[in-house]
PDB file of N, CA and C in Angstrom:
ATOM      1  N   MET A   1    -114.900 244.280  85.851  1.00  0.00           N
ATOM      2  CA  MET A   1    -115.489 243.071  86.378  1.00  0.00           C
ATOM      3  C   MET A   1    -116.562 243.421  87.397  1.00  0.00           C
ATOM      4  N   ILE A   2    -117.378 242.446  87.684  1.00  0.00           N
ATOM      5  CA  ILE A   2    -118.463 242.648  88.636  1.00  0.00           C
ATOM      6  C   ILE A   2    -117.876 242.900  90.021  1.00  0.00           C
ATOM      7  N   GLU A   3    -118.348 243.958  90.651  1.00  0.00           N
ATOM      8  CA  GLU A   3    -117.864 244.324  91.982  1.00  0.00           C
ATOM      9  C   GLU A   3    -118.588 243.553  93.077  1.00  0.00           C
ATOM     10  N   GLN A   4    -119.799 243.076  92.777  1.00  0.00           N
ATOM     11  CA  GLN A   4    -120.602 242.390  93.779  1.00  0.00           C
ATOM     12  C   GLN A   4    -120.007 241.030  94.108  1.00  0.00           C
ATOM     13  N   SER A   5    -120.396 240.485  95.256  1.00  0.00           N
ATOM     14  CA  SER A   5    -119.933 239.147  95.590  1.00  0.00           C
ATOM     15  C   SER A   5    -120.761 238.147  94.787  1.00  0.00           C
ATOM     16  N   LEU A   6    -120.097 237.123  94.326  1.00  0.00           N
ATOM     17  CA  LEU A   6    -120.765 236.117  93.510  1.00  0.00           C
ATOM     18  C   LEU A   6    -121.305 234.997  94.383  1.00  0.00           C
ATOM     19  N   PRO A   7    -122.353 234.330  93.920  1.00  0.00           N
ATOM     20  CA  PRO A   7    -122.924 233.218  94.684  1.00  0.00           C
ATOM     21  C   PRO A   7    -121.922 232.072  94.832  1.00  0.00           C
ATOM     22  N   ALA A   8    -122.120 231.278  95.852  1.00  0.00           N
ATOM     23  CA  ALA A   8    -121.245 230.126  96.087  1.00  0.00           C
ATOM     24  C   ALA A   8    -121.454 229.048  95.029  1.00  0.00           C
ATOM     25  N   CYS A   9    -122.666 228.923  94.533  1.00  0.00           N
ATOM     26  CA  CYS A   9    -122.992 227.898  93.533  1.00  0.00           C
ATOM     27  C   CYS A   9    -122.515 228.344  92.149  1.00  0.00           C
ATOM     28  N   PRO A  10    -121.693 227.537  91.473  1.00  0.00           N
ATOM     29  CA  PRO A  10    -121.189 227.918  90.160  1.00  0.00           C
ATOM     30  C   PRO A  10    -122.292 228.076  89.104  1.00  0.00           C
ATOM     31  N   VAL A  11    -123.346 227.272  89.190  1.00  0.00           N
ATOM     32  CA  VAL A  11    -124.462 227.410  88.246  1.00  0.00           C
ATOM     33  C   VAL A  11    -125.138 228.762  88.452  1.00  0.00           C
ATOM     34  N   GLU A  12    -125.321 229.143  89.698  1.00  0.00           N
ATOM     35  CA  GLU A  12    -125.927 230.434  90.006  1.00  0.00           C
ATOM     36  C   GLU A  12    -125.027 231.588  89.544  1.00  0.00           C
ATOM     37  N   THR A  13    -123.722 231.406  89.652  1.00  0.00           N
ATOM     38  CA  THR A  13    -122.791 232.425  89.167  1.00  0.00           C
ATOM     39  C   THR A  13    -122.969 232.632  87.663  1.00  0.00           C
ATOM     40  N   THR A  14    -123.034 231.530  86.908  1.00  0.00           N
ATOM     41  CA  THR A  14    -123.237 231.624  85.461  1.00  0.00           C
ATOM     42  C   THR A  14    -124.558 232.320  85.157  1.00  0.00           C
ATOM     43  N   LEU A  15    -125.608 231.927  85.863  1.00  0.00           N
ATOM     44  CA  LEU A  15    -126.909 232.559  85.652  1.00  0.00           C
ATOM     45  C   LEU A  15    -126.883 234.045  85.990  1.00  0.00           C
ATOM     46  N   THR A  16    -126.126 234.417  86.992  1.00  0.00           N
ATOM     47  CA  THR A  16    -126.000 235.826  87.359  1.00  0.00           C
ATOM     48  C   THR A  16    -125.440 236.635  86.192  1.00  0.00           C
ATOM     49  N   LEU A  17    -124.514 236.041  85.457  1.00  0.00           N
ATOM     50  CA  LEU A  17    -123.856 236.748  84.360  1.00  0.00           C
ATOM     51  C   LEU A  17    -124.634 236.728  83.055  1.00  0.00           C
ATOM     52  N   ILE A  18    -125.401 235.663  82.791  1.00  0.00           N
ATOM     53  CA  ILE A  18    -126.066 235.557  81.480  1.00  0.00           C
ATOM     54  C   ILE A  18    -127.543 235.210  81.595  1.00  0.00           C
ATOM     55  N   SER A  19    -128.169 235.472  82.718  1.00  0.00           N
ATOM     56  CA  SER A  19    -129.537 235.013  82.935  1.00  0.00           C
ATOM     57  C   SER A  19    -130.575 235.699  82.061  1.00  0.00           C
ATOM     58  N   ASP A  20    -130.317 236.872  81.577  1.00  0.00           N
ATOM     59  CA  ASP A  20    -131.286 237.572  80.758  1.00  0.00           C
ATOM     60  C   ASP A  20    -131.263 237.015  79.341  1.00  0.00           C
ATOM     61  N   LYS A  21    -132.437 236.821  78.745  1.00  0.00           N
ATOM     62  CA  LYS A  21    -132.469 236.244  77.393  1.00  0.00           C
ATOM     63  C   LYS A  21    -131.729 237.108  76.386  1.00  0.00           C
ATOM     64  N   TRP A  22    -131.743 238.430  76.610  1.00  0.00           N
ATOM     65  CA  TRP A  22    -131.049 239.311  75.667  1.00  0.00           C
ATOM     66  C   TRP A  22    -129.548 239.077  75.723  1.00  0.00           C
ATOM     67  N   LYS A  23    -129.007 238.822  76.907  1.00  0.00           N
ATOM     68  CA  LYS A  23    -127.562 238.593  77.029  1.00  0.00           C
ATOM     69  C   LYS A  23    -127.152 237.332  76.283  1.00  0.00           C
ATOM     70  N   VAL A  24    -127.960 236.304  76.372  1.00  0.00           N
ATOM     71  CA  VAL A  24    -127.647 235.062  75.667  1.00  0.00           C
ATOM     72  C   VAL A  24    -127.669 235.301  74.158  1.00  0.00           C
ATOM     73  N   LEU A  25    -128.631 236.087  73.683  1.00  0.00           N
ATOM     74  CA  LEU A  25    -128.701 236.378  72.247  1.00  0.00           C
ATOM     75  C   LEU A  25    -127.566 237.289  71.793  1.00  0.00           C
ATOM     76  N   ILE A  26    -127.144 238.206  72.653  1.00  0.00           N
ATOM     77  CA  ILE A  26    -125.978 239.035  72.344  1.00  0.00           C
ATOM     78  C   ILE A  26    -124.739 238.143  72.222  1.00  0.00           C
ATOM     79  N   LEU A  27    -124.566 237.226  73.168  1.00  0.00           N
ATOM     80  CA  LEU A  27    -123.448 236.282  73.107  1.00  0.00           C
ATOM     81  C   LEU A  27    -123.499 235.479  71.817  1.00  0.00           C
ATOM     82  N   ARG A  28    -124.685 234.975  71.482  1.00  0.00           N
ATOM     83  CA  ARG A  28    -124.857 234.199  70.249  1.00  0.00           C
ATOM     84  C   ARG A  28    -124.357 234.990  69.037  1.00  0.00           C
ATOM     85  N   ASP A  29    -124.761 236.244  68.963  1.00  0.00           N
ATOM     86  CA  ASP A  29    -124.397 237.062  67.807  1.00  0.00           C
ATOM     87  C   ASP A  29    -122.921 237.426  67.789  1.00  0.00           C
ATOM     88  N   LEU A  30    -122.333 237.667  68.951  1.00  0.00           N
ATOM     89  CA  LEU A  30    -120.928 238.074  69.001  1.00  0.00           C
ATOM     90  C   LEU A  30    -119.954 236.904  68.872  1.00  0.00           C
ATOM     91  N   LEU A  31    -120.447 235.675  69.030  1.00  0.00           N
ATOM     92  CA  LEU A  31    -119.566 234.517  68.851  1.00  0.00           C
ATOM     93  C   LEU A  31    -119.007 234.462  67.429  1.00  0.00           C
ATOM     94  N   SER A  32    -119.737 235.029  66.473  1.00  0.00           N
ATOM     95  CA  SER A  32    -119.257 235.009  65.085  1.00  0.00           C
ATOM     96  C   SER A  32    -118.332 236.185  64.780  1.00  0.00           C
ATOM     97  N   GLY A  33    -118.155 237.092  65.738  1.00  0.00           N
ATOM     98  CA  GLY A  33    -117.221 238.196  65.523  1.00  0.00           C
ATOM     99  C   GLY A  33    -117.783 239.531  65.980  1.00  0.00           C
ATOM    100  N   THR A  34    -116.984 240.559  65.808  1.00  0.00           N
ATOM    101  CA  THR A  34    -117.311 241.919  66.220  1.00  0.00           C
ATOM    102  C   THR A  34    -118.558 242.419  65.497  1.00  0.00           C
ATOM    103  N   LYS A  35    -119.416 243.123  66.242  1.00  0.00           N
ATOM    104  CA  LYS A  35    -120.636 243.687  65.669  1.00  0.00           C
ATOM    105  C   LYS A  35    -120.810 245.126  66.139  1.00  0.00           C
ATOM    106  N   ARG A  36    -121.458 245.908  65.294  1.00  0.00           N
ATOM    107  CA  ARG A  36    -121.850 247.260  65.666  1.00  0.00           C
ATOM    108  C   ARG A  36    -123.196 247.194  66.366  1.00  0.00           C
ATOM    109  N   PHE A  37    -123.524 248.265  67.107  1.00  0.00           N
ATOM    110  CA  PHE A  37    -124.777 248.318  67.856  1.00  0.00           C
ATOM    111  C   PHE A  37    -125.964 248.060  66.928  1.00  0.00           C
ATOM    112  N   SER A  38    -125.978 248.705  65.776  1.00  0.00           N
ATOM    113  CA  SER A  38    -127.115 248.576  64.855  1.00  0.00           C
ATOM    114  C   SER A  38    -127.267 247.141  64.346  1.00  0.00           C
ATOM    115  N   GLU A  39    -126.161 246.435  64.161  1.00  0.00           N
ATOM    116  CA  GLU A  39    -126.232 245.037  63.730  1.00  0.00           C
ATOM    117  C   GLU A  39    -126.870 244.173  64.810  1.00  0.00           C
ATOM    118  N   LEU A  40    -126.465 244.408  66.049  1.00  0.00           N
ATOM    119  CA  LEU A  40    -127.047 243.659  67.155  1.00  0.00           C
ATOM    120  C   LEU A  40    -128.538 243.962  67.283  1.00  0.00           C
ATOM    121  N   LYS A  41    -128.898 245.216  67.187  1.00  0.00           N
ATOM    122  CA  LYS A  41    -130.304 245.639  67.319  1.00  0.00           C
ATOM    123  C   LYS A  41    -131.154 244.957  66.247  1.00  0.00           C
ATOM    124  N   ARG A  42    -130.661 244.921  65.010  1.00  0.00           N
ATOM    125  CA  ARG A  42    -131.401 244.287  63.914  1.00  0.00           C
ATOM    126  C   ARG A  42    -131.526 242.782  64.114  1.00  0.00           C
ATOM    127  N   SER A  43    -130.489 242.174  64.638  1.00  0.00           N
ATOM    128  CA  SER A  43    -130.441 240.720  64.771  1.00  0.00           C
ATOM    129  C   SER A  43    -131.301 240.181  65.914  1.00  0.00           C
ATOM    130  N   ILE A  44    -131.490 240.998  66.945  1.00  0.00           N
ATOM    131  CA  ILE A  44    -132.193 240.532  68.144  1.00  0.00           C
ATOM    132  C   ILE A  44    -133.614 241.085  68.121  1.00  0.00           C
ATOM    133  N   ASN A  45    -134.544 240.247  67.689  1.00  0.00           N
ATOM    134  CA  ASN A  45    -135.944 240.655  67.569  1.00  0.00           C
ATOM    135  C   ASN A  45    -136.551 241.061  68.902  1.00  0.00           C
ATOM    136  N   GLY A  46    -137.172 242.231  68.920  1.00  0.00           N
ATOM    137  CA  GLY A  46    -137.950 242.634  70.084  1.00  0.00           C
ATOM    138  C   GLY A  46    -137.201 243.404  71.152  1.00  0.00           C
ATOM    139  N   VAL A  47    -135.887 243.544  71.047  1.00  0.00           N
ATOM    140  CA  VAL A  47    -135.142 244.265  72.079  1.00  0.00           C
ATOM    141  C   VAL A  47    -135.180 245.763  71.769  1.00  0.00           C
ATOM    142  N   SER A  48    -135.439 246.556  72.801  1.00  0.00           N
ATOM    143  CA  SER A  48    -135.439 248.012  72.619  1.00  0.00           C
ATOM    144  C   SER A  48    -133.999 248.529  72.678  1.00  0.00           C
ATOM    145  N   GLN A  49    -133.800 249.710  72.155  1.00  0.00           N
ATOM    146  CA  GLN A  49    -132.471 250.323  72.175  1.00  0.00           C
ATOM    147  C   GLN A  49    -132.008 250.514  73.614  1.00  0.00           C
ATOM    148  N   LYS A  50    -132.905 250.946  74.475  1.00  0.00           N
ATOM    149  CA  LYS A  50    -132.571 251.195  75.884  1.00  0.00           C
ATOM    150  C   LYS A  50    -132.130 249.900  76.584  1.00  0.00           C
ATOM    151  N   VAL A  51    -132.874 248.831  76.361  1.00  0.00           N
ATOM    152  CA  VAL A  51    -132.552 247.548  77.005  1.00  0.00           C
ATOM    153  C   VAL A  51    -131.249 246.987  76.447  1.00  0.00           C
ATOM    154  N   LEU A  52    -131.072 247.065  75.126  1.00  0.00           N
ATOM    155  CA  LEU A  52    -129.839 246.556  74.523  1.00  0.00           C
ATOM    156  C   LEU A  52    -128.628 247.310  75.066  1.00  0.00           C
ATOM    157  N   THR A  53    -128.744 248.621  75.170  1.00  0.00           N
ATOM    158  CA  THR A  53    -127.647 249.431  75.716  1.00  0.00           C
ATOM    159  C   THR A  53    -127.329 249.000  77.146  1.00  0.00           C
ATOM    160  N   ALA A  54    -128.360 248.827  77.969  1.00  0.00           N
ATOM    161  CA  ALA A  54    -128.161 248.425  79.368  1.00  0.00           C
ATOM    162  C   ALA A  54    -127.501 247.050  79.463  1.00  0.00           C
ATOM    163  N   GLN A  55    -127.954 246.098  78.625  1.00  0.00           N
ATOM    164  CA  GLN A  55    -127.393 244.748  78.663  1.00  0.00           C
ATOM    165  C   GLN A  55    -125.930 244.752  78.224  1.00  0.00           C
ATOM    166  N   LEU A  56    -125.629 245.517  77.181  1.00  0.00           N
ATOM    167  CA  LEU A  56    -124.247 245.605  76.709  1.00  0.00           C
ATOM    168  C   LEU A  56    -123.344 246.212  77.783  1.00  0.00           C
ATOM    169  N   ARG A  57    -123.823 247.222  78.468  1.00  0.00           N
ATOM    170  CA  ARG A  57    -123.026 247.830  79.543  1.00  0.00           C
ATOM    171  C   ARG A  57    -122.778 246.846  80.675  1.00  0.00           C
ATOM    172  N   GLN A  58    -123.811 246.089  81.048  1.00  0.00           N
ATOM    173  CA  GLN A  58    -123.640 245.092  82.110  1.00  0.00           C
ATOM    174  C   GLN A  58    -122.633 244.029  81.699  1.00  0.00           C
ATOM    175  N   MET A  59    -122.715 243.603  80.455  1.00  0.00           N
ATOM    176  CA  MET A  59    -121.788 242.579  79.972  1.00  0.00           C
ATOM    177  C   MET A  59    -120.361 243.114  79.885  1.00  0.00           C
ATOM    178  N   GLU A  60    -120.224 244.376  79.551  1.00  0.00           N
ATOM    179  CA  GLU A  60    -118.899 245.000  79.545  1.00  0.00           C
ATOM    180  C   GLU A  60    -118.358 245.085  80.970  1.00  0.00           C
ATOM    181  N   ASP A  61    -119.204 245.490  81.908  1.00  0.00           N
ATOM    182  CA  ASP A  61    -118.790 245.586  83.315  1.00  0.00           C
ATOM    183  C   ASP A  61    -118.367 244.231  83.883  1.00  0.00           C
ATOM    184  N   SER A  62    -119.007 243.160  83.414  1.00  0.00           N
ATOM    185  CA  SER A  62    -118.669 241.827  83.924  1.00  0.00           C
ATOM    186  C   SER A  62    -117.506 241.190  83.171  1.00  0.00           C
ATOM    187  N   GLY A  63    -116.968 241.883  82.173  1.00  0.00           N
ATOM    188  CA  GLY A  63    -115.800 241.388  81.461  1.00  0.00           C
ATOM    189  C   GLY A  63    -116.087 240.433  80.331  1.00  0.00           C
ATOM    190  N   LEU A  64    -117.356 240.329  79.902  1.00  0.00           N
ATOM    191  CA  LEU A  64    -117.710 239.409  78.829  1.00  0.00           C
ATOM    192  C   LEU A  64    -117.462 239.986  77.444  1.00  0.00           C
ATOM    193  N   LEU A  65    -117.470 241.310  77.322  1.00  0.00           N
ATOM    194  CA  LEU A  65    -117.236 241.936  76.025  1.00  0.00           C
ATOM    195  C   LEU A  65    -116.516 243.262  76.192  1.00  0.00           C
ATOM    196  N   THR A  66    -115.967 243.729  75.091  1.00  0.00           N
ATOM    197  CA  THR A  66    -115.337 245.045  75.081  1.00  0.00           C
ATOM    198  C   THR A  66    -116.109 245.934  74.118  1.00  0.00           C
ATOM    199  N   ARG A  67    -116.102 247.212  74.423  1.00  0.00           N
ATOM    200  CA  ARG A  67    -116.768 248.234  73.622  1.00  0.00           C
ATOM    201  C   ARG A  67    -115.685 249.168  73.107  1.00  0.00           C
ATOM    202  N   THR A  68    -115.616 249.326  71.785  1.00  0.00           N
ATOM    203  CA  THR A  68    -114.632 250.206  71.182  1.00  0.00           C
ATOM    204  C   THR A  68    -115.367 251.338  70.481  1.00  0.00           C
ATOM    205  N   VAL A  69    -115.031 252.577  70.863  1.00  0.00           N
ATOM    206  CA  VAL A  69    -115.629 253.758  70.249  1.00  0.00           C
ATOM    207  C   VAL A  69    -114.584 254.392  69.341  1.00  0.00           C
ATOM    208  N   TYR A  70    -114.950 254.593  68.082  1.00  0.00           N
ATOM    209  CA  TYR A  70    -114.057 255.225  67.117  1.00  0.00           C
ATOM    210  C   TYR A  70    -114.427 256.696  66.991  1.00  0.00           C
ATOM    211  N   PRO A  71    -113.434 257.577  67.051  1.00  0.00           N
ATOM    212  CA  PRO A  71    -113.701 259.019  67.004  1.00  0.00           C
ATOM    213  C   PRO A  71    -114.016 259.497  65.586  1.00  0.00           C
ATOM    214  N   GLU A  72    -115.185 259.123  65.124  1.00  0.00           N
ATOM    215  CA  GLU A  72    -115.640 259.490  63.793  1.00  0.00           C
ATOM    216  C   GLU A  72    -116.959 260.230  63.918  1.00  0.00           C
ATOM    217  N   VAL A  73    -117.384 260.846  62.832  1.00  0.00           N
ATOM    218  CA  VAL A  73    -118.703 261.470  62.801  1.00  0.00           C
ATOM    219  C   VAL A  73    -119.482 260.813  61.674  1.00  0.00           C
ATOM    220  N   PRO A  74    -120.591 260.123  61.988  1.00  0.00           N
ATOM    221  CA  PRO A  74    -121.094 259.848  63.337  1.00  0.00           C
ATOM    222  C   PRO A  74    -120.206 258.818  64.036  1.00  0.00           C
ATOM    223  N   PRO A  75    -120.250 258.793  65.377  1.00  0.00           N
ATOM    224  CA  PRO A  75    -119.398 257.855  66.123  1.00  0.00           C
ATOM    225  C   PRO A  75    -119.723 256.403  65.753  1.00  0.00           C
ATOM    226  N   ARG A  76    -118.681 255.602  65.675  1.00  0.00           N
ATOM    227  CA  ARG A  76    -118.848 254.172  65.402  1.00  0.00           C
ATOM    228  C   ARG A  76    -118.466 253.424  66.670  1.00  0.00           C
ATOM    229  N   VAL A  77    -119.356 252.539  67.104  1.00  0.00           N
ATOM    230  CA  VAL A  77    -119.124 251.742  68.309  1.00  0.00           C
ATOM    231  C   VAL A  77    -119.218 250.271  67.932  1.00  0.00           C
ATOM    232  N   GLU A  78    -118.213 249.503  68.335  1.00  0.00           N
ATOM    233  CA  GLU A  78    -118.201 248.071  68.053  1.00  0.00           C
ATOM    234  C   GLU A  78    -118.061 247.278  69.346  1.00  0.00           C
ATOM    235  N   TYR A  79    -118.658 246.100  69.336  1.00  0.00           N
ATOM    236  CA  TYR A  79    -118.636 245.204  70.490  1.00  0.00           C
ATOM    237  C   TYR A  79    -117.982 243.891  70.079  1.00  0.00           C
ATOM    238  N   THR A  80    -117.095 243.413  70.946  1.00  0.00           N
ATOM    239  CA  THR A  80    -116.357 242.175  70.700  1.00  0.00           C
ATOM    240  C   THR A  80    -116.305 241.379  71.995  1.00  0.00           C
ATOM    241  N   LEU A  81    -116.477 240.068  71.879  1.00  0.00           N
ATOM    242  CA  LEU A  81    -116.347 239.231  73.074  1.00  0.00           C
ATOM    243  C   LEU A  81    -114.889 239.198  73.531  1.00  0.00           C
ATOM    244  N   THR A  82    -114.714 239.161  74.840  1.00  0.00           N
ATOM    245  CA  THR A  82    -113.394 238.943  75.418  1.00  0.00           C
ATOM    246  C   THR A  82    -113.134 237.429  75.432  1.00  0.00           C
ATOM    247  N   ASP A  83    -111.954 237.031  75.854  1.00  0.00           N
ATOM    248  CA  ASP A  83    -111.680 235.595  76.006  1.00  0.00           C
ATOM    249  C   ASP A  83    -112.671 234.976  76.984  1.00  0.00           C
ATOM    250  N   LEU A  84    -113.011 235.718  78.038  1.00  0.00           N
ATOM    251  CA  LEU A  84    -113.995 235.230  79.009  1.00  0.00           C
ATOM    252  C   LEU A  84    -115.348 235.030  78.335  1.00  0.00           C
ATOM    253  N   GLY A  85    -115.745 235.972  77.493  1.00  0.00           N
ATOM    254  CA  GLY A  85    -117.007 235.846  76.767  1.00  0.00           C
ATOM    255  C   GLY A  85    -116.999 234.654  75.825  1.00  0.00           C
ATOM    256  N   TYR A  86    -115.890 234.493  75.095  1.00  0.00           N
ATOM    257  CA  TYR A  86    -115.774 233.348  74.185  1.00  0.00           C
ATOM    258  C   TYR A  86    -115.789 232.025  74.935  1.00  0.00           C
ATOM    259  N   SER A  87    -115.357 232.030  76.192  1.00  0.00           N
ATOM    260  CA  SER A  87    -115.341 230.777  76.962  1.00  0.00           C
ATOM    261  C   SER A  87    -116.749 230.261  77.236  1.00  0.00           C
ATOM    262  N   LEU A  88    -117.775 231.082  76.992  1.00  0.00           N
ATOM    263  CA  LEU A  88    -119.167 230.638  77.152  1.00  0.00           C
ATOM    264  C   LEU A  88    -119.693 229.896  75.924  1.00  0.00           C
ATOM    265  N   GLN A  89    -118.901 229.791  74.875  1.00  0.00           N
ATOM    266  CA  GLN A  89    -119.352 229.127  73.651  1.00  0.00           C
ATOM    267  C   GLN A  89    -119.858 227.704  73.907  1.00  0.00           C
ATOM    268  N   PRO A  90    -119.168 226.863  74.680  1.00  0.00           N
ATOM    269  CA  PRO A  90    -119.699 225.512  74.918  1.00  0.00           C
ATOM    270  C   PRO A  90    -121.052 225.538  75.639  1.00  0.00           C
ATOM    271  N   VAL A  91    -121.267 226.515  76.494  1.00  0.00           N
ATOM    272  CA  VAL A  91    -122.551 226.635  77.198  1.00  0.00           C
ATOM    273  C   VAL A  91    -123.655 226.932  76.188  1.00  0.00           C
ATOM    274  N   LEU A  92    -123.403 227.883  75.283  1.00  0.00           N
ATOM    275  CA  LEU A  92    -124.407 228.226  74.271  1.00  0.00           C
ATOM    276  C   LEU A  92    -124.626 227.083  73.282  1.00  0.00           C
ATOM    277  N   GLU A  93    -123.563 226.372  72.940  1.00  0.00           N
ATOM    278  CA  GLU A  93    -123.714 225.221  72.044  1.00  0.00           C
ATOM    279  C   GLU A  93    -124.552 224.137  72.704  1.00  0.00           C
ATOM    280  N   ALA A  94    -124.345 223.914  73.993  1.00  0.00           N
ATOM    281  CA  ALA A  94    -125.148 222.927  74.719  1.00  0.00           C
ATOM    282  C   ALA A  94    -126.617 223.362  74.756  1.00  0.00           C
ATOM    283  N   MET A  95    -126.862 224.658  74.938  1.00  0.00           N
ATOM    284  CA  MET A  95    -128.239 225.163  74.929  1.00  0.00           C
ATOM    285  C   MET A  95    -128.873 224.972  73.549  1.00  0.00           C
ATOM    286  N   ARG A  96    -128.104 225.253  72.484  1.00  0.00           N
ATOM    287  CA  ARG A  96    -128.603 225.064  71.118  1.00  0.00           C
ATOM    288  C   ARG A  96    -128.938 223.592  70.876  1.00  0.00           C
ATOM    289  N   ASP A  97    -128.026 222.701  71.241  1.00  0.00           N
ATOM    290  CA  ASP A  97    -128.239 221.268  71.021  1.00  0.00           C
ATOM    291  C   ASP A  97    -129.461 220.773  71.781  1.00  0.00           C
ATOM    292  N   TRP A  98    -129.613 221.210  73.022  1.00  0.00           N
ATOM    293  CA  TRP A  98    -130.763 220.812  73.814  1.00  0.00           C
ATOM    294  C   TRP A  98    -132.047 221.333  73.169  1.00  0.00           C
ATOM    295  N   GLY A  99    -132.020 222.584  72.707  1.00  0.00           N
ATOM    296  CA  GLY A  99    -133.193 223.171  72.059  1.00  0.00           C
ATOM    297  C   GLY A  99    -133.592 222.410  70.798  1.00  0.00           C
ATOM    298  N   LEU A 100    -132.599 221.987  70.020  1.00  0.00           N
ATOM    299  CA  LEU A 100    -132.889 221.198  68.820  1.00  0.00           C
ATOM    300  C   LEU A 100    -133.532 219.866  69.188  1.00  0.00           C
ATOM    301  N   ARG A 101    -132.959 219.186  70.186  1.00  0.00           N
ATOM    302  CA  ARG A 101    -133.534 217.897  70.623  1.00  0.00           C
ATOM    303  C   ARG A 101    -134.955 218.088  71.145  1.00  0.00           C
ATOM    304  N   TYR A 102    -135.195 219.162  71.888  1.00  0.00           N
ATOM    305  CA  TYR A 102    -136.529 219.429  72.424  1.00  0.00           C
ATOM    306  C   TYR A 102    -137.519 219.674  71.286  1.00  0.00           C
ATOM    307  N   ARG A 103    -137.097 220.463  70.296  1.00  0.00           N
ATOM    308  CA  ARG A 103    -137.994 220.739  69.157  1.00  0.00           C
ATOM    309  C   ARG A 103    -138.328 219.466  68.401  1.00  0.00           C
ATOM    310  N   GLU A 104    -137.340 218.586  68.207  1.00  0.00           N
ATOM    311  CA  GLU A 104    -137.583 217.316  67.536  1.00  0.00           C
ATOM    312  C   GLU A 104    -138.549 216.439  68.340  1.00  0.00           C
ATOM    313  N   ARG A 105    -138.345 216.414  69.645  1.00  0.00           N
ATOM    314  CA  ARG A 105    -139.205 215.626  70.534  1.00  0.00           C
ATOM    315  C   ARG A 105    -140.627 216.175  70.510  1.00  0.00           C
ATOM    316  N   SER A 106    -140.761 217.479  70.562  1.00  0.00           N
ATOM    317  CA  SER A 106    -142.077 218.103  70.564  1.00  0.00           C
ATOM    318  C   SER A 106    -142.809 217.863  69.256  1.00  0.00           C
ATOM    319  N   ALA A 107    -142.069 217.859  68.150  1.00  0.00           N
ATOM    320  CA  ALA A 107    -142.681 217.636  66.847  1.00  0.00           C
ATOM    321  C   ALA A 107    -143.184 216.207  66.717  1.00  0.00           C
ATOM    322  N   ALA A 108    -142.527 215.291  67.427  1.00  0.00           N
ATOM    323  CA  ALA A 108    -142.905 213.869  67.358  1.00  0.00           C
ATOM    324  C   ALA A 108    -144.135 213.560  68.212  1.00  0.00           C
ATOM    325  N   LEU A 109    -144.499 214.433  69.109  1.00  0.00           N
ATOM    326  CA  LEU A 109    -145.646 214.166  69.993  1.00  0.00           C
ATOM    327  C   LEU A 109    -146.966 214.350  69.291  1.00  0.00           C
TER     328      LEU A 109
END
């Protein structure tokens, strides 16, 4: 879990944990189930390997996902949301719904 002190504002706390666009897209992809690093990399347009690795580590440190390494050659690494990570599903669904409404509104202008 995050060792730092969290903000007093709950909205700011949520933003602290998922404020990066890559983290939100990682959450989106993992909501459907466990993924390997290469699957996430392919699914998230524009993210570098270095940035994806850093974001996954931060999310693991904050308790949003787990990383499982299988002792194979080549090594297989899988990422799965924790219960805490899955609890963000309504937040992402609300963001999706808002985005759809915004796109419809923008198209009507």
